[in-house]
Amino acid sequence: MIGDRPPFGPARPAPGRRFLARALARPSLPAVVALVVVVVFFGLQAPGLRTDSGLAGVLDVAAPLGIGAVAVALLLIAGQFDLSVGAVAVASSLLTALLVGPGGWPAWPALLVSLLGALAIGLVNGVLVVNTGLPSFLVTLATFLVLQGASLAGFEAVAGSAQIRGLDDATGWGSAATVFGSSAEIGSGRFHVAVVWWLVATALATWALWRTKFGNAVFAGGGARRAARELGVPVRRTTVALFCLTATAGWLIGTLGLFRLESVQLGNADLGTALDFVVVAVIGGCLLTGGYGSAVGAAVAALLYAVARQGITLAGWDPRWFQTLLGGLLLLALLANGVVRRRLKARPRS
């Protein structure tokens, strides 16, 4: 008599186990699960989080962080780091303000120049990494320090003060503000256009990763760089392009902040913020060893970060608990990603 196992070939796993295996093969799974838990927990602890204004506050935090984290996630998948995103954001916004304010430039040309400056920084980072073999962590840390000192000292020397106001009087400021600084009031919350930029960046990054040759090169460069080069994959060119992409993300973050405030004030680019982009990308499923990750996971992790931060604030907790929670989430993500990585090794990317 024939039993449950077929006479030829191995037994097929149960549907439930097949579903679990497919789920565990998704790098974003830990971030999604953690987001659900954190939303439910802080939704009960801080009722204000469930209001329109509470949601707007969460998205205000998540949008710029998510833009940077998505770009950093692509770089991590390729096996590289970038700690200069926050410094590029500050430097590019300061450059735009100097050109528009003391320089008297129209808004759009000033934005173009600051974007070209950001791309030049990304190009330098990428060329240094691929041509010298130096660790990208150290190269971009050096870039961070150079930008931090040069932009702050240069701004004060040119502007003569620590703040520039009245930027909205510049030619073209209104049209640029529509693109980078507009907002809409929905219920009791005000939602800014940065959220749209975040969603667009996530969608484009996801499409590029999974539907283009560029995405194949990103995964190949992070998974097996030497083998990818031998097979003709443009690993060096892809790496340089990714550093330019993270620099562009930094420019966009700085520009969104500049047009939202309509002024700029001298302030330090915090290294902790630069690390936050990497931490969020790792929580979203990227491995520090490269080869695995997800733009959607990075976006979900940015939302998780924002919910936890705003939830702790609205619940009236000591804000220092946020660092404890973030460290715990990072540790759990690293442990979960080990499981995901083993599953991914056994399952080819489709």
C-alpha atoms as a PDB file:
ATOM      1  CA  MET A   1       0.000   0.000   0.000  1.00  0.00           C
ATOM      2  CA  ILE A   2       1.262   3.417  -0.917  1.00  0.00           C
ATOM      3  CA  GLY A   3       1.553   5.764   2.072  1.00  0.00           C
ATOM      4  CA  ASP A   4       1.563   9.548   2.268  1.00  0.00           C
ATOM      5  CA  ARG A   5       5.052   9.796   0.769  1.00  0.00           C
ATOM      6  CA  PRO A   6       5.147   9.521  -3.043  1.00  0.00           C
ATOM      7  CA  PRO A   7       6.891   6.436  -4.461  1.00  0.00           C
ATOM      8  CA  PHE A   8       9.414   8.516  -6.428  1.00  0.00           C
ATOM      9  CA  GLY A   9      11.415  11.533  -5.221  1.00  0.00           C
ATOM     10  CA  PRO A  10      11.570  13.217  -1.838  1.00  0.00           C
ATOM     11  CA  ALA A  11       8.472  14.171   0.072  1.00  0.00           C
ATOM     12  CA  ARG A  12       7.245  17.700  -0.625  1.00  0.00           C
ATOM     13  CA  PRO A  13       7.191  19.985   2.408  1.00  0.00           C
ATOM     14  CA  ALA A  14       3.846  20.921   3.860  1.00  0.00           C
ATOM     15  CA  PRO A  15       2.260  24.141   2.498  1.00  0.00           C
ATOM     16  CA  GLY A  16       2.742  25.856   5.846  1.00  0.00           C
ATOM     17  CA  ARG A  17       6.451  25.091   5.865  1.00  0.00           C
ATOM     18  CA  ARG A  18       6.812  26.238   2.245  1.00  0.00           C
ATOM     19  CA  PHE A  19       5.136  29.542   3.134  1.00  0.00           C
ATOM     20  CA  LEU A  20       7.427  29.989   6.152  1.00  0.00           C
ATOM     21  CA  ALA A  21      10.503  29.245   4.039  1.00  0.00           C
ATOM     22  CA  ARG A  22       9.464  31.830   1.451  1.00  0.00           C
ATOM     23  CA  ALA A  23       8.759  34.385   4.175  1.00  0.00           C
ATOM     24  CA  LEU A  24      12.113  33.818   5.860  1.00  0.00           C
ATOM     25  CA  ALA A  25      13.823  34.347   2.500  1.00  0.00           C
ATOM     26  CA  ARG A  26      12.650  37.977   2.528  1.00  0.00           C
ATOM     27  CA  PRO A  27      15.232  40.321   4.079  1.00  0.00           C
ATOM     28  CA  SER A  28      12.542  42.800   5.152  1.00  0.00           C
ATOM     29  CA  LEU A  29      10.628  40.305   7.302  1.00  0.00           C
ATOM     30  CA  PRO A  30      12.261  41.185  10.674  1.00  0.00           C
ATOM     31  CA  ALA A  31      11.533  44.896  10.149  1.00  0.00           C
ATOM     32  CA  VAL A  32       7.901  44.223   9.225  1.00  0.00           C
ATOM     33  CA  VAL A  33       7.342  42.037  12.293  1.00  0.00           C
ATOM     34  CA  ALA A  34       9.060  44.557  14.568  1.00  0.00           C
ATOM     35  CA  LEU A  35       7.017  47.411  13.079  1.00  0.00           C
ATOM     36  CA  VAL A  36       3.749  45.631  13.833  1.00  0.00           C
ATOM     37  CA  VAL A  37       4.841  44.959  17.425  1.00  0.00           C
ATOM     38  CA  VAL A  38       6.035  48.530  18.018  1.00  0.00           C
ATOM     39  CA  VAL A  39       2.917  50.081  16.459  1.00  0.00           C
ATOM     40  CA  VAL A  40       0.613  47.992  18.638  1.00  0.00           C
ATOM     41  CA  PHE A  41       2.679  48.632  21.773  1.00  0.00           C
ATOM     42  CA  PHE A  42       3.027  52.397  21.430  1.00  0.00           C
ATOM     43  CA  GLY A  43      -0.491  52.701  20.059  1.00  0.00           C
ATOM     44  CA  LEU A  44      -1.625  51.555  23.506  1.00  0.00           C
ATOM     45  CA  GLN A  45       1.011  53.471  25.482  1.00  0.00           C
ATOM     46  CA  ALA A  46       0.639  56.770  23.597  1.00  0.00           C
ATOM     47  CA  PRO A  47      -2.894  57.360  22.246  1.00  0.00           C
ATOM     48  CA  GLY A  48      -1.693  60.558  20.568  1.00  0.00           C
ATOM     49  CA  LEU A  49       0.245  58.406  18.127  1.00  0.00           C
ATOM     50  CA  ARG A  50      -3.053  57.217  16.638  1.00  0.00           C
ATOM     51  CA  THR A  51      -4.184  60.732  15.676  1.00  0.00           C
ATOM     52  CA  ASP A  52      -3.605  62.533  12.387  1.00  0.00           C
ATOM     53  CA  SER A  53      -1.047  64.803  14.010  1.00  0.00           C
ATOM     54  CA  GLY A  54       0.674  61.780  15.545  1.00  0.00           C
ATOM     55  CA  LEU A  55       0.917  60.105  12.130  1.00  0.00           C
ATOM     56  CA  ALA A  56       2.214  63.332  10.599  1.00  0.00           C
ATOM     57  CA  GLY A  57       4.906  63.511  13.284  1.00  0.00           C
ATOM     58  CA  VAL A  58       5.968  59.935  12.587  1.00  0.00           C
ATOM     59  CA  LEU A  59       6.196  60.570   8.838  1.00  0.00           C
ATOM     60  CA  ASP A  60       8.161  63.789   9.420  1.00  0.00           C
ATOM     61  CA  VAL A  61      10.839  61.720  11.137  1.00  0.00           C
ATOM     62  CA  ALA A  62      10.626  58.721   8.796  1.00  0.00           C
ATOM     63  CA  ALA A  63      10.734  60.502   5.422  1.00  0.00           C
ATOM     64  CA  PRO A  64      14.237  62.059   5.457  1.00  0.00           C
ATOM     65  CA  LEU A  65      15.629  59.087   7.343  1.00  0.00           C
ATOM     66  CA  GLY A  66      14.017  56.727   4.857  1.00  0.00           C
ATOM     67  CA  ILE A  67      15.433  58.570   1.848  1.00  0.00           C
ATOM     68  CA  GLY A  68      18.958  58.246   3.226  1.00  0.00           C
ATOM     69  CA  ALA A  69      18.443  54.678   4.460  1.00  0.00           C
ATOM     70  CA  VAL A  70      17.174  53.444   1.085  1.00  0.00           C
ATOM     71  CA  ALA A  71      20.258  54.833  -0.680  1.00  0.00           C
ATOM     72  CA  VAL A  72      22.584  53.453   2.013  1.00  0.00           C
ATOM     73  CA  ALA A  73      20.796  50.084   1.768  1.00  0.00           C
ATOM     74  CA  LEU A  74      21.720  49.777  -1.916  1.00  0.00           C
ATOM     75  CA  LEU A  75      25.337  50.542  -1.035  1.00  0.00           C
ATOM     76  CA  LEU A  76      25.314  47.988   1.811  1.00  0.00           C
ATOM     77  CA  ILE A  77      23.945  45.350  -0.550  1.00  0.00           C
ATOM     78  CA  ALA A  78      26.985  46.066  -2.725  1.00  0.00           C
ATOM     79  CA  GLY A  79      29.210  45.512   0.324  1.00  0.00           C
ATOM     80  CA  GLN A  80      30.117  49.165   0.970  1.00  0.00           C
ATOM     81  CA  PHE A  81      29.420  51.870   3.594  1.00  0.00           C
ATOM     82  CA  ASP A  82      28.778  55.604   3.448  1.00  0.00           C
ATOM     83  CA  LEU A  83      28.968  57.712   6.595  1.00  0.00           C
ATOM     84  CA  SER A  84      28.977  61.040   4.768  1.00  0.00           C
ATOM     85  CA  VAL A  85      25.265  61.282   3.891  1.00  0.00           C
ATOM     86  CA  GLY A  86      24.413  63.550   6.827  1.00  0.00           C
ATOM     87  CA  ALA A  87      27.414  65.803   6.168  1.00  0.00           C
ATOM     88  CA  VAL A  88      26.463  66.082   2.481  1.00  0.00           C
ATOM     89  CA  ALA A  89      22.928  67.063   3.526  1.00  0.00           C
ATOM     90  CA  VAL A  90      24.231  69.883   5.721  1.00  0.00           C
ATOM     91  CA  ALA A  91      26.901  71.041   3.271  1.00  0.00           C
ATOM     92  CA  SER A  92      24.564  71.100   0.260  1.00  0.00           C
ATOM     93  CA  SER A  93      21.861  73.063   2.099  1.00  0.00           C
ATOM     94  CA  LEU A  94      24.469  75.560   3.315  1.00  0.00           C
ATOM     95  CA  LEU A  95      25.843  75.962  -0.217  1.00  0.00           C
ATOM     96  CA  THR A  96      22.368  76.542  -1.651  1.00  0.00           C
ATOM     97  CA  ALA A  97      21.617  79.121   1.050  1.00  0.00           C
ATOM     98  CA  LEU A  98      24.903  80.962   0.403  1.00  0.00           C
ATOM     99  CA  LEU A  99      24.255  81.126  -3.331  1.00  0.00           C
ATOM    100  CA  VAL A 100      20.646  82.258  -2.904  1.00  0.00           C
ATOM    101  CA  GLY A 101      21.238  84.643   0.028  1.00  0.00           C
ATOM    102  CA  PRO A 102      24.572  86.508  -0.115  1.00  0.00           C
ATOM    103  CA  GLY A 103      25.167  85.392  -3.705  1.00  0.00           C
ATOM    104  CA  GLY A 104      21.800  86.603  -5.019  1.00  0.00           C
ATOM    105  CA  TRP A 105      21.354  83.567  -7.284  1.00  0.00           C
ATOM    106  CA  PRO A 106      17.924  82.325  -8.410  1.00  0.00           C
ATOM    107  CA  ALA A 107      16.815  79.223  -6.539  1.00  0.00           C
ATOM    108  CA  TRP A 108      17.002  76.660  -9.360  1.00  0.00           C
ATOM    109  CA  PRO A 109      20.562  77.406 -10.537  1.00  0.00           C
ATOM    110  CA  ALA A 110      21.691  77.376  -6.901  1.00  0.00           C
ATOM    111  CA  LEU A 111      20.082  73.975  -6.429  1.00  0.00           C
ATOM    112  CA  LEU A 112      21.774  72.668  -9.570  1.00  0.00           C
ATOM    113  CA  VAL A 113      25.190  73.800  -8.362  1.00  0.00           C
ATOM    114  CA  SER A 114      24.684  72.244  -4.918  1.00  0.00           C
ATOM    115  CA  LEU A 115      23.538  68.995  -6.568  1.00  0.00           C
ATOM    116  CA  LEU A 116      26.647  68.951  -8.754  1.00  0.00           C
ATOM    117  CA  GLY A 117      28.736  69.546  -5.639  1.00  0.00           C
ATOM    118  CA  ALA A 118      27.072  66.594  -3.895  1.00  0.00           C
ATOM    119  CA  LEU A 119      27.661  64.388  -6.947  1.00  0.00           C
ATOM    120  CA  ALA A 120      31.321  65.424  -6.968  1.00  0.00           C
ATOM    121  CA  ILE A 121      31.629  64.285  -3.349  1.00  0.00           C
ATOM    122  CA  GLY A 122      30.030  60.948  -4.183  1.00  0.00           C
ATOM    123  CA  LEU A 123      32.305  60.575  -7.191  1.00  0.00           C
ATOM    124  CA  VAL A 124      35.408  61.229  -5.071  1.00  0.00           C
ATOM    125  CA  ASN A 125      34.255  58.703  -2.468  1.00  0.00           C
ATOM    126  CA  GLY A 126      33.569  56.048  -5.092  1.00  0.00           C
ATOM    127  CA  VAL A 127      36.789  56.568  -7.042  1.00  0.00           C
ATOM    128  CA  LEU A 128      38.874  56.467  -3.866  1.00  0.00           C
ATOM    129  CA  VAL A 129      37.235  53.226  -2.716  1.00  0.00           C
ATOM    130  CA  VAL A 130      37.508  51.344  -6.014  1.00  0.00           C
ATOM    131  CA  ASN A 131      41.009  52.575  -6.925  1.00  0.00           C
ATOM    132  CA  THR A 132      42.780  52.395  -3.567  1.00  0.00           C
ATOM    133  CA  GLY A 133      41.077  49.396  -1.971  1.00  0.00           C
ATOM    134  CA  LEU A 134      40.672  51.385   1.242  1.00  0.00           C
ATOM    135  CA  PRO A 135      37.687  50.469   3.430  1.00  0.00           C
ATOM    136  CA  SER A 136      34.693  52.607   2.438  1.00  0.00           C
ATOM    137  CA  PHE A 137      33.880  53.034   6.132  1.00  0.00           C
ATOM    138  CA  LEU A 138      37.125  54.954   6.669  1.00  0.00           C
ATOM    139  CA  VAL A 139      37.025  56.836   3.362  1.00  0.00           C
ATOM    140  CA  THR A 140      33.543  58.210   4.006  1.00  0.00           C
ATOM    141  CA  LEU A 141      34.366  58.928   7.646  1.00  0.00           C
ATOM    142  CA  ALA A 142      37.218  61.123   6.397  1.00  0.00           C
ATOM    143  CA  THR A 143      34.815  62.779   3.949  1.00  0.00           C
ATOM    144  CA  PHE A 144      32.396  63.415   6.793  1.00  0.00           C
ATOM    145  CA  LEU A 145      35.063  65.144   8.872  1.00  0.00           C
ATOM    146  CA  VAL A 146      36.323  67.246   5.957  1.00  0.00           C
ATOM    147  CA  LEU A 147      32.816  68.353   5.003  1.00  0.00           C
ATOM    148  CA  GLN A 148      31.846  69.080   8.577  1.00  0.00           C
ATOM    149  CA  GLY A 149      34.760  71.427   9.173  1.00  0.00           C
ATOM    150  CA  ALA A 150      34.915  73.035   5.732  1.00  0.00           C
ATOM    151  CA  SER A 151      31.188  73.686   5.317  1.00  0.00           C
ATOM    152  CA  LEU A 152      30.678  75.146   8.788  1.00  0.00           C
ATOM    153  CA  ALA A 153      33.796  77.321   8.769  1.00  0.00           C
ATOM    154  CA  GLY A 154      33.239  78.393   5.161  1.00  0.00           C
ATOM    155  CA  PHE A 155      29.588  79.253   5.751  1.00  0.00           C
ATOM    156  CA  GLU A 156      30.310  81.533   8.690  1.00  0.00           C
ATOM    157  CA  ALA A 157      33.208  83.189   6.851  1.00  0.00           C
ATOM    158  CA  VAL A 158      31.080  83.987   3.788  1.00  0.00           C
ATOM    159  CA  ALA A 159      27.736  84.728   5.465  1.00  0.00           C
ATOM    160  CA  GLY A 160      29.254  86.616   8.394  1.00  0.00           C
ATOM    161  CA  SER A 161      26.734  85.050  10.760  1.00  0.00           C
ATOM    162  CA  ALA A 162      25.394  81.688  11.821  1.00  0.00           C
ATOM    163  CA  GLN A 163      22.035  82.086  10.064  1.00  0.00           C
ATOM    164  CA  ILE A 164      20.569  83.279   6.767  1.00  0.00           C
ATOM    165  CA  ARG A 165      16.945  84.362   6.544  1.00  0.00           C
ATOM    166  CA  GLY A 166      14.755  85.804   3.798  1.00  0.00           C
ATOM    167  CA  LEU A 167      15.596  83.117   1.260  1.00  0.00           C
ATOM    168  CA  ASP A 168      11.985  83.019   0.067  1.00  0.00           C
ATOM    169  CA  ASP A 169      12.490  86.379  -1.682  1.00  0.00           C
ATOM    170  CA  ALA A 170      14.813  84.792  -4.247  1.00  0.00           C
ATOM    171  CA  THR A 171      13.760  84.350  -7.865  1.00  0.00           C
ATOM    172  CA  GLY A 172      12.251  80.927  -8.462  1.00  0.00           C
ATOM    173  CA  TRP A 173      11.953  80.146  -4.774  1.00  0.00           C
ATOM    174  CA  GLY A 174       8.174  79.698  -4.986  1.00  0.00           C
ATOM    175  CA  SER A 175       8.294  77.044  -7.723  1.00  0.00           C
ATOM    176  CA  ALA A 176      11.158  75.229  -6.009  1.00  0.00           C
ATOM    177  CA  ALA A 177       9.301  75.376  -2.700  1.00  0.00           C
ATOM    178  CA  THR A 178       6.326  73.680  -4.360  1.00  0.00           C
ATOM    179  CA  VAL A 179       8.563  70.744  -5.289  1.00  0.00           C
ATOM    180  CA  PHE A 180      10.609  70.521  -2.094  1.00  0.00           C
ATOM    181  CA  GLY A 181       8.710  72.346   0.651  1.00  0.00           C
ATOM    182  CA  SER A 182       4.966  72.062   0.079  1.00  0.00           C
ATOM    183  CA  SER A 183       2.589  70.434   2.539  1.00  0.00           C
ATOM    184  CA  ALA A 184      -1.055  69.489   2.901  1.00  0.00           C
ATOM    185  CA  GLU A 185      -3.255  69.595   5.972  1.00  0.00           C
ATOM    186  CA  ILE A 186      -5.260  66.398   6.436  1.00  0.00           C
ATOM    187  CA  GLY A 187      -7.434  66.294   9.526  1.00  0.00           C
ATOM    188  CA  SER A 188      -5.385  67.589  12.421  1.00  0.00           C
ATOM    189  CA  GLY A 189      -2.038  66.739  10.832  1.00  0.00           C
ATOM    190  CA  ARG A 190       0.179  68.535   8.323  1.00  0.00           C
ATOM    191  CA  PHE A 191       1.904  66.191   5.890  1.00  0.00           C
ATOM    192  CA  HIS A 192       4.961  67.379   3.958  1.00  0.00           C
ATOM    193  CA  VAL A 193       6.076  66.561   0.437  1.00  0.00           C
ATOM    194  CA  ALA A 194       9.134  64.759   1.831  1.00  0.00           C
ATOM    195  CA  VAL A 195       6.859  61.736   2.302  1.00  0.00           C
ATOM    196  CA  VAL A 196       6.200  61.635  -1.455  1.00  0.00           C
ATOM    197  CA  TRP A 197       9.923  61.852  -2.193  1.00  0.00           C
ATOM    198  CA  TRP A 198      10.516  58.989   0.237  1.00  0.00           C
ATOM    199  CA  LEU A 199       7.906  56.773  -1.424  1.00  0.00           C
ATOM    200  CA  VAL A 200       9.224  57.583  -4.906  1.00  0.00           C
ATOM    201  CA  ALA A 201      12.820  56.854  -3.834  1.00  0.00           C
ATOM    202  CA  THR A 202      11.763  53.507  -2.340  1.00  0.00           C
ATOM    203  CA  ALA A 203       9.781  52.517  -5.434  1.00  0.00           C
ATOM    204  CA  LEU A 204      12.598  53.450  -7.833  1.00  0.00           C
ATOM    205  CA  ALA A 205      15.240  51.691  -5.729  1.00  0.00           C
ATOM    206  CA  THR A 206      13.102  48.542  -5.503  1.00  0.00           C
ATOM    207  CA  TRP A 207      12.504  48.510  -9.243  1.00  0.00           C
ATOM    208  CA  ALA A 208      16.194  49.069  -9.971  1.00  0.00           C
ATOM    209  CA  LEU A 209      17.271  46.275  -7.622  1.00  0.00           C
ATOM    210  CA  TRP A 210      14.947  43.588  -8.886  1.00  0.00           C
ATOM    211  CA  ARG A 211      14.198  44.509 -12.503  1.00  0.00           C
ATOM    212  CA  THR A 212      17.394  45.918 -14.019  1.00  0.00           C
ATOM    213  CA  LYS A 213      20.944  44.878 -14.870  1.00  0.00           C
ATOM    214  CA  PHE A 214      22.117  47.550 -12.460  1.00  0.00           C
ATOM    215  CA  GLY A 215      20.368  45.702  -9.623  1.00  0.00           C
ATOM    216  CA  ASN A 216      21.993  42.437 -10.674  1.00  0.00           C
ATOM    217  CA  ALA A 217      25.373  44.166 -10.563  1.00  0.00           C
ATOM    218  CA  VAL A 218      24.638  45.530  -7.071  1.00  0.00           C
ATOM    219  CA  PHE A 219      23.832  42.073  -5.696  1.00  0.00           C
ATOM    220  CA  ALA A 220      26.708  40.421  -7.551  1.00  0.00           C
ATOM    221  CA  GLY A 221      29.221  43.001  -6.333  1.00  0.00           C
ATOM    222  CA  GLY A 222      28.209  42.476  -2.726  1.00  0.00           C
ATOM    223  CA  GLY A 223      27.801  38.721  -2.868  1.00  0.00           C
ATOM    224  CA  ALA A 224      30.920  37.670  -4.766  1.00  0.00           C
ATOM    225  CA  ARG A 225      32.895  40.659  -6.029  1.00  0.00           C
ATOM    226  CA  ARG A 226      35.831  38.763  -7.542  1.00  0.00           C
ATOM    227  CA  ALA A 227      33.622  36.263  -9.339  1.00  0.00           C
ATOM    228  CA  ALA A 228      31.398  39.071 -10.593  1.00  0.00           C
ATOM    229  CA  ARG A 229      34.396  40.871 -12.113  1.00  0.00           C
ATOM    230  CA  GLU A 230      35.543  37.677 -13.815  1.00  0.00           C
ATOM    231  CA  LEU A 231      32.082  37.317 -15.343  1.00  0.00           C
ATOM    232  CA  GLY A 232      32.217  40.854 -16.724  1.00  0.00           C
ATOM    233  CA  VAL A 233      29.911  42.545 -14.190  1.00  0.00           C
ATOM    234  CA  PRO A 234      30.817  46.287 -13.979  1.00  0.00           C
ATOM    235  CA  VAL A 235      31.451  46.202 -10.234  1.00  0.00           C
ATOM    236  CA  ARG A 236      33.706  49.277 -10.109  1.00  0.00           C
ATOM    237  CA  ARG A 237      31.351  51.436 -12.163  1.00  0.00           C
ATOM    238  CA  THR A 238      28.364  50.254 -10.142  1.00  0.00           C
ATOM    239  CA  THR A 239      30.128  51.069  -6.866  1.00  0.00           C
ATOM    240  CA  VAL A 240      30.957  54.607  -8.006  1.00  0.00           C
ATOM    241  CA  ALA A 241      27.344  55.081  -9.153  1.00  0.00           C
ATOM    242  CA  LEU A 242      26.056  53.960  -5.752  1.00  0.00           C
ATOM    243  CA  PHE A 243      28.265  56.483  -3.930  1.00  0.00           C
ATOM    244  CA  CYS A 244      26.894  59.188  -6.227  1.00  0.00           C
ATOM    245  CA  LEU A 245      23.409  57.954  -5.350  1.00  0.00           C
ATOM    246  CA  THR A 246      23.966  58.249  -1.589  1.00  0.00           C
ATOM    247  CA  ALA A 247      25.394  61.737  -2.129  1.00  0.00           C
ATOM    248  CA  THR A 248      22.279  62.656  -4.121  1.00  0.00           C
ATOM    249  CA  ALA A 249      20.138  61.354  -1.267  1.00  0.00           C
ATOM    250  CA  GLY A 250      22.088  63.599   1.106  1.00  0.00           C
ATOM    251  CA  TRP A 251      21.497  66.583  -1.184  1.00  0.00           C
ATOM    252  CA  LEU A 252      17.774  65.813  -1.307  1.00  0.00           C
ATOM    253  CA  ILE A 253      17.530  65.537   2.494  1.00  0.00           C
ATOM    254  CA  GLY A 254      19.291  68.874   2.923  1.00  0.00           C
ATOM    255  CA  THR A 255      17.167  70.534   0.243  1.00  0.00           C
ATOM    256  CA  LEU A 256      13.896  69.309   1.750  1.00  0.00           C
ATOM    257  CA  GLY A 257      14.908  70.708   5.131  1.00  0.00           C
ATOM    258  CA  LEU A 258      16.023  74.019   3.631  1.00  0.00           C
ATOM    259  CA  PHE A 259      12.757  74.670   1.795  1.00  0.00           C
ATOM    260  CA  ARG A 260      10.656  73.559   4.710  1.00  0.00           C
ATOM    261  CA  LEU A 261      12.311  76.070   7.084  1.00  0.00           C
ATOM    262  CA  GLU A 262      12.933  78.779   4.425  1.00  0.00           C
ATOM    263  CA  SER A 263      16.147  79.600   6.278  1.00  0.00           C
ATOM    264  CA  VAL A 264      19.367  77.917   7.293  1.00  0.00           C
ATOM    265  CA  GLN A 265      21.208  77.948  10.584  1.00  0.00           C
ATOM    266  CA  LEU A 266      24.733  76.801  11.253  1.00  0.00           C
ATOM    267  CA  GLY A 267      24.774  73.409  12.962  1.00  0.00           C
ATOM    268  CA  ASN A 268      26.957  70.350  13.200  1.00  0.00           C
ATOM    269  CA  ALA A 269      26.391  67.273  11.078  1.00  0.00           C
ATOM    270  CA  ASP A 270      26.066  64.624  13.766  1.00  0.00           C
ATOM    271  CA  LEU A 271      27.995  61.398  13.185  1.00  0.00           C
ATOM    272  CA  GLY A 272      25.207  59.636  15.084  1.00  0.00           C
ATOM    273  CA  THR A 273      22.792  60.625  12.319  1.00  0.00           C
ATOM    274  CA  ALA A 274      25.134  59.125   9.727  1.00  0.00           C
ATOM    275  CA  LEU A 275      25.191  55.902  11.705  1.00  0.00           C
ATOM    276  CA  ASP A 276      21.393  55.970  11.951  1.00  0.00           C
ATOM    277  CA  PHE A 277      21.138  55.497   8.179  1.00  0.00           C
ATOM    278  CA  VAL A 278      23.316  52.379   8.410  1.00  0.00           C
ATOM    279  CA  VAL A 279      21.491  51.070  11.492  1.00  0.00           C
ATOM    280  CA  VAL A 280      18.099  51.512   9.826  1.00  0.00           C
ATOM    281  CA  ALA A 281      19.307  49.756   6.667  1.00  0.00           C
ATOM    282  CA  VAL A 282      20.574  46.810   8.736  1.00  0.00           C
ATOM    283  CA  ILE A 283      17.315  46.608  10.691  1.00  0.00           C
ATOM    284  CA  GLY A 284      15.597  46.601   7.291  1.00  0.00           C
ATOM    285  CA  GLY A 285      17.435  43.407   6.308  1.00  0.00           C
ATOM    286  CA  CYS A 286      20.774  44.478   4.826  1.00  0.00           C
ATOM    287  CA  LEU A 287      23.794  42.452   5.863  1.00  0.00           C
ATOM    288  CA  LEU A 288      27.077  44.167   6.675  1.00  0.00           C
ATOM    289  CA  THR A 289      28.832  41.553   4.554  1.00  0.00           C
ATOM    290  CA  GLY A 290      26.875  42.595   1.463  1.00  0.00           C
ATOM    291  CA  GLY A 291      24.915  40.631  -1.097  1.00  0.00           C
ATOM    292  CA  TYR A 292      21.535  40.745   0.685  1.00  0.00           C
ATOM    293  CA  GLY A 293      19.027  43.429   1.452  1.00  0.00           C
ATOM    294  CA  SER A 294      15.960  45.304   0.384  1.00  0.00           C
ATOM    295  CA  ALA A 295      14.991  48.925  -0.287  1.00  0.00           C
ATOM    296  CA  VAL A 296      11.488  48.193   1.017  1.00  0.00           C
ATOM    297  CA  GLY A 297      13.010  46.770   4.203  1.00  0.00           C
ATOM    298  CA  ALA A 298      15.012  49.963   4.718  1.00  0.00           C
ATOM    299  CA  ALA A 299      11.868  52.053   4.228  1.00  0.00           C
ATOM    300  CA  VAL A 300       9.921  49.902   6.707  1.00  0.00           C
ATOM    301  CA  ALA A 301      12.771  50.156   9.209  1.00  0.00           C
ATOM    302  CA  ALA A 302      12.738  53.959   8.878  1.00  0.00           C
ATOM    303  CA  LEU A 303       9.053  53.902   9.760  1.00  0.00           C
ATOM    304  CA  LEU A 304       9.811  51.578  12.678  1.00  0.00           C
ATOM    305  CA  TYR A 305      12.501  53.999  13.897  1.00  0.00           C
ATOM    306  CA  ALA A 306      10.078  56.936  13.676  1.00  0.00           C
ATOM    307  CA  VAL A 307       7.234  55.129  15.467  1.00  0.00           C
ATOM    308  CA  ALA A 308       9.540  54.128  18.325  1.00  0.00           C
ATOM    309  CA  ARG A 309      11.012  57.614  18.655  1.00  0.00           C
ATOM    310  CA  GLN A 310       7.695  59.464  18.522  1.00  0.00           C
ATOM    311  CA  GLY A 311       5.988  56.836  20.659  1.00  0.00           C
ATOM    312  CA  ILE A 312       8.537  57.235  23.446  1.00  0.00           C
ATOM    313  CA  THR A 313       8.148  61.029  23.294  1.00  0.00           C
ATOM    314  CA  LEU A 314       4.341  60.991  23.306  1.00  0.00           C
ATOM    315  CA  ALA A 315       4.275  58.371  26.078  1.00  0.00           C
ATOM    316  CA  GLY A 316       6.316  60.741  28.263  1.00  0.00           C
ATOM    317  CA  TRP A 317       9.235  58.355  28.684  1.00  0.00           C
ATOM    318  CA  ASP A 318      12.828  59.416  29.167  1.00  0.00           C
ATOM    319  CA  PRO A 319      14.097  59.985  25.569  1.00  0.00           C
ATOM    320  CA  ARG A 320      17.263  58.059  26.376  1.00  0.00           C
ATOM    321  CA  TRP A 321      15.225  54.845  26.324  1.00  0.00           C
ATOM    322  CA  PHE A 322      15.042  55.259  22.553  1.00  0.00           C
ATOM    323  CA  GLN A 323      18.747  54.422  22.172  1.00  0.00           C
ATOM    324  CA  THR A 324      18.226  51.295  24.257  1.00  0.00           C
ATOM    325  CA  LEU A 325      15.291  50.228  22.097  1.00  0.00           C
ATOM    326  CA  LEU A 326      17.179  50.995  18.889  1.00  0.00           C
ATOM    327  CA  GLY A 327      20.166  48.932  20.038  1.00  0.00           C
ATOM    328  CA  GLY A 328      17.887  46.032  20.932  1.00  0.00           C
ATOM    329  CA  LEU A 329      16.186  46.185  17.529  1.00  0.00           C
ATOM    330  CA  LEU A 330      19.571  46.221  15.810  1.00  0.00           C
ATOM    331  CA  LEU A 331      20.730  43.163  17.753  1.00  0.00           C
ATOM    332  CA  LEU A 332      17.532  41.271  16.952  1.00  0.00           C
ATOM    333  CA  ALA A 333      17.856  42.253  13.296  1.00  0.00           C
ATOM    334  CA  LEU A 334      21.424  40.948  13.145  1.00  0.00           C
ATOM    335  CA  LEU A 335      20.328  37.624  14.659  1.00  0.00           C
ATOM    336  CA  ALA A 336      17.303  37.339  12.369  1.00  0.00           C
ATOM    337  CA  ASN A 337      19.336  38.295   9.314  1.00  0.00           C
ATOM    338  CA  GLY A 338      21.631  35.353   9.996  1.00  0.00           C
ATOM    339  CA  VAL A 339      18.637  33.056   9.563  1.00  0.00           C
ATOM    340  CA  VAL A 340      17.487  34.934   6.477  1.00  0.00           C
ATOM    341  CA  ARG A 341      20.936  34.713   4.951  1.00  0.00           C
ATOM    342  CA  ARG A 342      21.038  30.943   5.305  1.00  0.00           C
ATOM    343  CA  ARG A 343      17.597  30.706   3.709  1.00  0.00           C
ATOM    344  CA  LEU A 344      18.638  32.970   0.836  1.00  0.00           C
ATOM    345  CA  LYS A 345      21.727  30.876   0.140  1.00  0.00           C
ATOM    346  CA  ALA A 346      19.449  27.891  -0.367  1.00  0.00           C
ATOM    347  CA  ARG A 347      17.001  29.798  -2.569  1.00  0.00           C
ATOM    348  CA  PRO A 348      18.069  31.546  -5.793  1.00  0.00           C
ATOM    349  CA  ARG A 349      16.919  35.089  -6.392  1.00  0.00           C
ATOM    350  CA  SER A 350      14.059  35.320  -8.815  1.00  0.00           C
END
